[in-house]
């Protein structure tokens, strides 16, 4: 499917609305998922399994954190983004199943926001935050910091 995932379409047809309205509504979960790949320090692509024999590909933004951007023009921010991404890759290694909870629409179509829990009970968002690799994020405007270079 194109830029809008089937999971997002489910949100729309289920009365979850669009834009900010969608972000305020939750599916409690848990929804079992397999991680396909890590996109950056706060986003993963998963194959979610919300119903028996149904698999839905969608991007999941980890709730409560904001990683530096890989496409930043600032070398220091780009380097920090790569470190956050690599740590998330390391955390995901060997994980055959993860659980998504508190799932909601995101401000960008084609992705959802959710809490993600690993098989061992760890939450990657908390690990990244505790390691100082990401900042707390509540879904509002991001902090703008000058490039330290």
N, C-alpha and C. Protein backbone atom coordinates (compact mmCIF):
# COMPACT_ATOMS: atom_id res chain seq x y z
N UNK A 1 0.85 -1.17 0.00
CA UNK A 1 0.00 0.00 0.00
C UNK A 1 0.89 1.23 0.00
N UNK A 2 0.43 2.35 -0.46
CA UNK A 2 1.21 3.56 -0.63
C UNK A 2 1.64 4.21 0.66
N UNK A 3 1.62 5.54 0.68
CA UNK A 3 2.12 6.31 1.81
C UNK A 3 1.28 6.15 3.07
N UNK A 4 0.01 5.82 2.92
CA UNK A 4 -0.84 5.64 4.09
C UNK A 4 -0.96 4.15 4.36
N UNK A 5 -0.54 3.72 5.56
CA UNK A 5 -0.58 2.30 5.89
C UNK A 5 -2.00 1.83 6.13
N UNK A 6 -2.17 0.51 6.04
CA UNK A 6 -3.48 -0.07 6.32
C UNK A 6 -3.88 0.18 7.77
N UNK A 7 -2.90 0.23 8.68
CA UNK A 7 -3.19 0.48 10.09
C UNK A 7 -3.77 1.89 10.25
N UNK A 8 -3.22 2.85 9.52
CA UNK A 8 -3.74 4.20 9.56
C UNK A 8 -5.15 4.24 8.98
N UNK A 9 -5.37 3.50 7.91
CA UNK A 9 -6.73 3.44 7.35
C UNK A 9 -7.69 2.86 8.37
N UNK A 10 -7.25 1.85 9.11
CA UNK A 10 -8.09 1.30 10.18
C UNK A 10 -8.47 2.39 11.17
N UNK A 11 -7.48 3.22 11.53
CA UNK A 11 -7.77 4.32 12.46
C UNK A 11 -8.83 5.25 11.89
N UNK A 12 -8.70 5.56 10.61
CA UNK A 12 -9.63 6.50 9.99
C UNK A 12 -11.04 5.93 9.90
N UNK A 13 -11.17 4.68 9.47
CA UNK A 13 -12.50 4.11 9.31
C UNK A 13 -13.11 3.70 10.64
N UNK A 14 -12.29 3.63 11.67
CA UNK A 14 -12.80 3.26 12.99
C UNK A 14 -13.24 4.48 13.79
N UNK A 15 -13.28 5.63 13.15
CA UNK A 15 -13.73 6.83 13.85
C UNK A 15 -12.64 7.51 14.65
N UNK A 16 -11.39 7.22 14.34
CA UNK A 16 -10.32 7.84 15.08
C UNK A 16 -9.97 9.22 14.54
N UNK A 17 -10.62 9.64 13.47
CA UNK A 17 -10.41 11.00 12.98
C UNK A 17 -9.09 11.17 12.26
N UNK A 18 -8.67 12.42 12.14
CA UNK A 18 -7.43 12.74 11.46
C UNK A 18 -6.66 13.77 12.26
N UNK A 19 -5.43 13.94 11.91
CA UNK A 19 -4.59 14.98 12.50
C UNK A 19 -4.53 14.91 14.01
N UNK A 20 -4.63 16.05 14.66
CA UNK A 20 -4.52 16.14 16.11
C UNK A 20 -5.62 15.37 16.81
N UNK A 21 -6.80 15.34 16.22
CA UNK A 21 -7.91 14.59 16.81
C UNK A 21 -7.55 13.12 16.95
N UNK A 22 -6.89 12.56 15.92
CA UNK A 22 -6.50 11.15 15.95
C UNK A 22 -5.49 10.90 17.06
N UNK A 23 -4.60 11.84 17.28
CA UNK A 23 -3.56 11.66 18.28
C UNK A 23 -4.13 11.61 19.69
N UNK A 24 -5.34 12.08 19.91
CA UNK A 24 -5.91 12.09 21.24
C UNK A 24 -6.71 10.84 21.55
N UNK A 25 -6.87 9.92 20.60
CA UNK A 25 -7.62 8.68 20.80
C UNK A 25 -6.67 7.50 20.80
N UNK A 26 -6.95 6.52 21.66
CA UNK A 26 -6.05 5.41 21.84
C UNK A 26 -6.71 4.06 21.59
N UNK A 27 -5.93 3.14 21.11
CA UNK A 27 -6.23 1.72 21.20
C UNK A 27 -5.31 1.23 22.30
N UNK A 28 -5.88 0.72 23.37
CA UNK A 28 -5.07 0.34 24.52
C UNK A 28 -4.04 -0.73 24.20
N UNK A 29 -4.43 -1.72 23.38
CA UNK A 29 -3.54 -2.83 23.10
C UNK A 29 -3.62 -3.84 24.24
N UNK A 30 -2.71 -4.75 24.34
CA UNK A 30 -1.52 -4.81 23.52
C UNK A 30 -1.79 -5.36 22.13
N UNK A 31 -1.00 -4.88 21.18
CA UNK A 31 -0.99 -5.41 19.83
C UNK A 31 0.40 -5.98 19.61
N UNK A 32 0.46 -7.25 19.26
CA UNK A 32 1.73 -7.91 19.00
C UNK A 32 2.26 -7.45 17.65
N UNK A 33 3.57 -7.32 17.56
CA UNK A 33 4.18 -6.87 16.30
C UNK A 33 5.57 -7.47 16.16
N UNK A 34 6.04 -7.51 14.93
CA UNK A 34 7.42 -7.88 14.62
C UNK A 34 8.11 -6.63 14.06
N UNK A 35 9.30 -6.37 14.54
CA UNK A 35 10.04 -5.23 14.03
C UNK A 35 10.68 -5.62 12.71
N UNK A 36 10.38 -4.84 11.67
CA UNK A 36 10.94 -5.07 10.35
C UNK A 36 12.29 -4.38 10.25
N UNK A 37 12.32 -3.11 10.66
CA UNK A 37 13.59 -2.38 10.68
C UNK A 37 13.45 -1.10 11.50
N UNK A 38 14.59 -0.61 11.93
CA UNK A 38 14.67 0.66 12.65
C UNK A 38 14.86 1.75 11.60
N UNK A 39 14.03 2.78 11.69
CA UNK A 39 14.10 3.89 10.74
C UNK A 39 15.09 4.95 11.23
N UNK A 40 14.92 5.36 12.46
CA UNK A 40 15.82 6.34 13.07
C UNK A 40 15.79 6.12 14.57
N UNK A 41 16.16 7.09 15.36
CA UNK A 41 16.25 6.92 16.81
C UNK A 41 14.93 6.87 17.54
N UNK A 42 13.83 7.19 16.88
CA UNK A 42 12.54 7.14 17.56
C UNK A 42 11.42 6.53 16.72
N UNK A 43 11.76 5.88 15.61
CA UNK A 43 10.74 5.30 14.73
C UNK A 43 11.17 3.94 14.22
N UNK A 44 10.24 2.99 14.23
CA UNK A 44 10.48 1.66 13.69
C UNK A 44 9.36 1.29 12.73
N UNK A 45 9.68 0.42 11.79
CA UNK A 45 8.67 -0.16 10.91
C UNK A 45 8.33 -1.52 11.47
N UNK A 46 7.04 -1.80 11.66
CA UNK A 46 6.61 -3.08 12.21
C UNK A 46 5.57 -3.75 11.33
N UNK A 47 5.43 -5.04 11.53
CA UNK A 47 4.31 -5.83 11.01
C UNK A 47 3.45 -6.09 12.24
N UNK A 48 2.38 -5.31 12.40
CA UNK A 48 1.50 -5.46 13.55
C UNK A 48 0.49 -6.56 13.28
N UNK A 49 0.07 -7.22 14.35
CA UNK A 49 -0.90 -8.31 14.24
C UNK A 49 -2.09 -8.01 15.15
N UNK A 50 -2.96 -7.08 14.72
CA UNK A 50 -4.07 -6.67 15.59
C UNK A 50 -5.18 -7.70 15.72
N UNK A 51 -5.29 -8.60 14.73
CA UNK A 51 -6.30 -9.66 14.75
C UNK A 51 -5.64 -10.94 14.28
N UNK A 52 -6.19 -12.10 14.65
CA UNK A 52 -5.61 -13.36 14.16
C UNK A 52 -5.55 -13.38 12.63
N UNK A 53 -4.43 -13.84 12.11
CA UNK A 53 -4.21 -13.98 10.66
C UNK A 53 -4.23 -12.66 9.90
N UNK A 54 -4.02 -11.53 10.56
CA UNK A 54 -3.93 -10.23 9.90
C UNK A 54 -2.59 -9.59 10.25
N UNK A 55 -1.87 -9.15 9.25
CA UNK A 55 -0.60 -8.47 9.44
C UNK A 55 -0.68 -7.12 8.74
N UNK A 56 -0.29 -6.09 9.45
CA UNK A 56 -0.38 -4.75 8.92
C UNK A 56 0.96 -4.04 9.10
N UNK A 57 1.53 -3.57 8.01
CA UNK A 57 2.79 -2.82 8.08
C UNK A 57 2.49 -1.37 8.43
N UNK A 58 3.20 -0.86 9.42
CA UNK A 58 3.05 0.54 9.77
C UNK A 58 4.30 1.04 10.47
N UNK A 59 4.53 2.33 10.36
CA UNK A 59 5.61 2.98 11.08
C UNK A 59 5.11 3.34 12.47
N UNK A 60 5.95 3.11 13.47
CA UNK A 60 5.59 3.42 14.86
C UNK A 60 6.60 4.40 15.42
N UNK A 61 6.11 5.55 15.83
CA UNK A 61 6.93 6.53 16.55
C UNK A 61 6.85 6.17 18.01
N UNK A 62 7.99 6.05 18.67
CA UNK A 62 8.00 5.69 20.08
C UNK A 62 7.49 6.87 20.91
N UNK A 63 6.47 6.59 21.70
CA UNK A 63 5.81 7.63 22.49
C UNK A 63 6.77 8.21 23.53
N UNK A 64 6.74 9.53 23.65
CA UNK A 64 7.42 10.22 24.73
C UNK A 64 8.85 10.63 24.48
N UNK A 65 9.37 10.36 23.27
CA UNK A 65 10.76 10.75 23.00
C UNK A 65 10.88 11.42 21.64
N UNK A 66 11.97 12.17 21.49
CA UNK A 66 12.31 12.78 20.21
C UNK A 66 13.81 12.62 20.01
N UNK A 67 14.18 11.94 18.93
CA UNK A 67 15.59 11.74 18.61
C UNK A 67 16.06 12.85 17.66
N UNK A 68 17.33 13.15 17.68
CA UNK A 68 17.86 14.10 16.70
C UNK A 68 17.60 13.57 15.28
N UNK A 69 17.56 14.45 14.32
CA UNK A 69 17.21 14.08 12.94
C UNK A 69 18.44 13.64 12.16
N UNK A 70 18.32 12.50 11.47
CA UNK A 70 19.40 11.99 10.63
C UNK A 70 19.71 12.93 9.47
N UNK A 71 18.72 13.69 9.02
CA UNK A 71 18.91 14.58 7.88
C UNK A 71 19.33 15.99 8.28
N UNK A 72 19.72 16.16 9.53
CA UNK A 72 20.13 17.47 10.00
C UNK A 72 21.35 17.97 9.23
N UNK A 73 21.41 19.27 9.02
CA UNK A 73 22.58 19.89 8.39
C UNK A 73 23.73 20.05 9.38
N UNK A 74 23.39 19.99 10.65
CA UNK A 74 24.39 20.14 11.71
C UNK A 74 25.10 18.80 11.94
N UNK A 75 26.41 18.79 11.82
CA UNK A 75 27.19 17.55 11.96
C UNK A 75 27.01 16.94 13.36
N UNK A 76 26.96 17.77 14.38
CA UNK A 76 26.81 17.26 15.75
C UNK A 76 25.45 16.60 15.94
N UNK A 77 24.39 17.20 15.40
CA UNK A 77 23.05 16.62 15.50
C UNK A 77 22.95 15.33 14.70
N UNK A 78 23.57 15.33 13.52
CA UNK A 78 23.56 14.13 12.67
C UNK A 78 24.28 12.98 13.37
N UNK A 79 25.40 13.28 14.01
CA UNK A 79 26.15 12.27 14.75
C UNK A 79 25.32 11.73 15.92
N UNK A 80 24.66 12.62 16.64
CA UNK A 80 23.80 12.21 17.76
C UNK A 80 22.63 11.35 17.27
N UNK A 81 22.10 11.70 16.10
CA UNK A 81 21.00 10.93 15.51
C UNK A 81 21.46 9.51 15.18
N UNK A 82 22.66 9.38 14.65
CA UNK A 82 23.19 8.06 14.30
C UNK A 82 23.42 7.22 15.56
N UNK A 83 23.86 7.85 16.64
CA UNK A 83 24.06 7.13 17.90
C UNK A 83 22.72 6.62 18.45
N UNK A 84 21.69 7.46 18.41
CA UNK A 84 20.37 7.05 18.89
C UNK A 84 19.83 5.91 18.02
N UNK A 85 19.99 6.04 16.71
CA UNK A 85 19.52 5.00 15.79
C UNK A 85 20.26 3.68 16.07
N UNK A 86 21.56 3.73 16.24
CA UNK A 86 22.34 2.51 16.47
C UNK A 86 21.94 1.86 17.79
N UNK A 87 21.70 2.66 18.81
CA UNK A 87 21.27 2.10 20.10
C UNK A 87 19.92 1.41 19.96
N UNK A 88 19.01 2.00 19.19
CA UNK A 88 17.70 1.38 18.97
C UNK A 88 17.86 0.09 18.17
N UNK A 89 18.74 0.06 17.19
CA UNK A 89 19.03 -1.16 16.43
C UNK A 89 19.54 -2.24 17.39
N UNK A 90 20.46 -1.87 18.27
CA UNK A 90 21.01 -2.82 19.23
C UNK A 90 19.92 -3.36 20.15
N UNK A 91 19.05 -2.50 20.63
CA UNK A 91 17.96 -2.93 21.51
C UNK A 91 17.01 -3.89 20.80
N UNK A 92 16.82 -3.71 19.51
CA UNK A 92 15.88 -4.53 18.74
C UNK A 92 16.46 -5.87 18.30
N UNK A 93 17.78 -6.01 18.35
CA UNK A 93 18.41 -7.25 17.90
C UNK A 93 17.90 -8.43 18.72
N UNK A 94 17.52 -9.49 18.01
CA UNK A 94 17.05 -10.70 18.67
C UNK A 94 15.60 -10.65 19.14
N UNK A 95 14.93 -9.55 18.89
CA UNK A 95 13.53 -9.43 19.30
C UNK A 95 12.63 -9.98 18.20
N UNK A 96 11.98 -11.08 18.46
CA UNK A 96 11.07 -11.64 17.47
C UNK A 96 9.68 -11.02 17.59
N UNK A 97 9.30 -10.66 18.79
CA UNK A 97 7.98 -10.07 19.01
C UNK A 97 8.11 -8.89 19.97
N UNK A 98 7.37 -7.84 19.69
CA UNK A 98 7.27 -6.70 20.61
C UNK A 98 5.78 -6.44 20.83
N UNK A 99 5.47 -5.68 21.86
CA UNK A 99 4.09 -5.32 22.14
C UNK A 99 3.91 -3.82 22.02
N UNK A 100 2.84 -3.42 21.35
CA UNK A 100 2.47 -2.02 21.22
C UNK A 100 1.28 -1.76 22.12
N UNK A 101 1.34 -0.69 22.89
CA UNK A 101 0.22 -0.27 23.73
C UNK A 101 0.04 1.23 23.58
N UNK A 102 -1.09 1.72 24.08
CA UNK A 102 -1.42 3.16 23.99
C UNK A 102 -1.18 3.67 22.57
N UNK A 103 -1.78 2.98 21.61
CA UNK A 103 -1.58 3.29 20.19
C UNK A 103 -2.52 4.41 19.77
N UNK A 104 -1.98 5.41 19.11
CA UNK A 104 -2.81 6.51 18.63
C UNK A 104 -2.30 6.98 17.27
N UNK A 105 -3.12 7.75 16.61
CA UNK A 105 -2.70 8.35 15.35
C UNK A 105 -1.61 9.37 15.59
N UNK A 106 -0.86 9.63 14.57
CA UNK A 106 0.21 10.62 14.65
C UNK A 106 -0.18 11.82 13.80
N UNK A 107 0.55 12.91 13.94
CA UNK A 107 0.24 14.09 13.13
C UNK A 107 0.61 13.87 11.67
N UNK A 108 1.44 12.85 11.40
CA UNK A 108 1.79 12.51 10.03
C UNK A 108 1.05 11.24 9.63
N UNK A 109 0.43 11.25 8.46
CA UNK A 109 -0.25 10.05 7.98
C UNK A 109 0.78 8.96 7.72
N UNK A 110 0.36 7.72 7.87
CA UNK A 110 1.23 6.60 7.60
C UNK A 110 2.02 6.13 8.79
N UNK A 111 1.79 6.72 9.95
CA UNK A 111 2.50 6.27 11.14
C UNK A 111 1.61 6.46 12.35
N UNK A 112 1.88 5.67 13.38
CA UNK A 112 1.17 5.78 14.64
C UNK A 112 2.18 6.08 15.73
N UNK A 113 1.69 6.48 16.88
CA UNK A 113 2.51 6.69 18.06
C UNK A 113 2.11 5.62 19.05
N UNK A 114 3.09 4.99 19.69
CA UNK A 114 2.76 3.93 20.64
C UNK A 114 3.89 3.72 21.63
N UNK A 115 3.53 3.11 22.76
CA UNK A 115 4.53 2.58 23.67
C UNK A 115 4.93 1.23 23.11
N UNK A 116 6.22 0.94 23.09
CA UNK A 116 6.72 -0.32 22.57
C UNK A 116 7.48 -1.01 23.68
N UNK A 117 7.12 -2.27 23.92
CA UNK A 117 7.77 -3.06 24.96
C UNK A 117 8.41 -4.29 24.33
N UNK A 118 9.66 -4.56 24.69
CA UNK A 118 10.39 -5.70 24.18
C UNK A 118 9.98 -6.97 24.91
N UNK A 119 10.41 -8.13 24.37
CA UNK A 119 10.13 -9.43 25.00
C UNK A 119 10.59 -9.48 26.45
N UNK A 120 11.71 -8.82 26.74
CA UNK A 120 12.28 -8.86 28.09
C UNK A 120 11.66 -7.82 29.02
N UNK A 121 10.63 -7.11 28.55
CA UNK A 121 9.94 -6.12 29.39
C UNK A 121 10.53 -4.72 29.32
N UNK A 122 11.66 -4.57 28.68
CA UNK A 122 12.28 -3.24 28.58
C UNK A 122 11.53 -2.39 27.57
N UNK A 123 11.55 -1.09 27.79
CA UNK A 123 10.95 -0.13 26.87
C UNK A 123 12.08 0.69 26.25
N UNK A 124 12.27 0.53 24.95
CA UNK A 124 13.37 1.25 24.28
C UNK A 124 13.32 2.76 24.49
N UNK A 125 12.14 3.34 24.51
CA UNK A 125 12.06 4.80 24.71
C UNK A 125 12.69 5.20 26.04
N UNK A 126 12.43 4.43 27.08
CA UNK A 126 13.00 4.74 28.40
C UNK A 126 14.51 4.54 28.41
N UNK A 127 14.98 3.49 27.74
CA UNK A 127 16.42 3.22 27.67
C UNK A 127 17.14 4.36 26.94
N UNK A 128 16.59 4.79 25.82
CA UNK A 128 17.19 5.89 25.05
C UNK A 128 17.18 7.19 25.85
N UNK A 129 16.08 7.44 26.55
CA UNK A 129 15.96 8.65 27.36
C UNK A 129 16.95 8.61 28.53
N UNK A 130 17.02 7.47 29.22
CA UNK A 130 17.95 7.33 30.34
C UNK A 130 19.40 7.46 29.89
N UNK A 131 19.69 7.04 28.65
CA UNK A 131 21.05 7.14 28.12
C UNK A 131 21.40 8.50 27.57
N UNK A 132 20.45 9.44 27.61
CA UNK A 132 20.71 10.79 27.12
C UNK A 132 20.79 10.90 25.60
N UNK A 133 20.28 9.88 24.89
CA UNK A 133 20.36 9.87 23.43
C UNK A 133 19.18 10.56 22.76
N UNK A 134 18.10 10.76 23.50
CA UNK A 134 16.90 11.41 22.99
C UNK A 134 16.39 12.38 24.06
N UNK A 135 15.45 13.22 23.66
CA UNK A 135 14.83 14.16 24.59
C UNK A 135 13.39 13.76 24.84
N UNK A 136 12.84 14.17 25.98
CA UNK A 136 11.42 13.92 26.21
C UNK A 136 10.59 14.69 25.19
N UNK A 137 9.47 14.12 24.78
CA UNK A 137 8.62 14.77 23.78
C UNK A 137 7.17 14.43 24.07
N UNK A 138 6.37 15.46 24.16
CA UNK A 138 4.95 15.29 24.47
C UNK A 138 4.04 15.57 23.28
N UNK A 139 4.61 15.61 22.09
CA UNK A 139 3.80 15.78 20.89
C UNK A 139 3.51 17.22 20.51
N UNK A 140 4.08 18.14 21.20
CA UNK A 140 3.88 19.55 20.86
C UNK A 140 5.06 20.01 20.01
N UNK A 141 5.42 21.25 20.10
CA UNK A 141 6.55 21.74 19.30
C UNK A 141 7.87 21.22 19.88
N UNK A 142 8.82 20.99 18.98
CA UNK A 142 10.13 20.51 19.38
C UNK A 142 11.00 21.68 19.80
N UNK A 143 11.94 21.39 20.70
CA UNK A 143 12.88 22.44 21.12
C UNK A 143 13.87 22.69 19.98
N UNK A 144 14.16 23.94 19.74
CA UNK A 144 15.12 24.33 18.69
C UNK A 144 16.41 24.75 19.38
N UNK A 145 17.43 23.97 19.13
CA UNK A 145 18.73 24.29 19.72
C UNK A 145 19.68 24.69 18.60
N UNK A 146 20.56 25.63 18.88
CA UNK A 146 21.55 26.00 17.87
C UNK A 146 22.58 24.88 17.72
N UNK A 147 23.11 24.74 16.53
CA UNK A 147 24.13 23.74 16.25
C UNK A 147 25.39 24.09 17.02
N UNK A 148 25.93 23.13 17.79
CA UNK A 148 27.14 23.44 18.59
C UNK A 148 28.43 23.49 17.76
N UNK A 149 28.35 23.17 16.46
CA UNK A 149 29.57 23.18 15.61
C UNK A 149 30.07 24.58 15.40
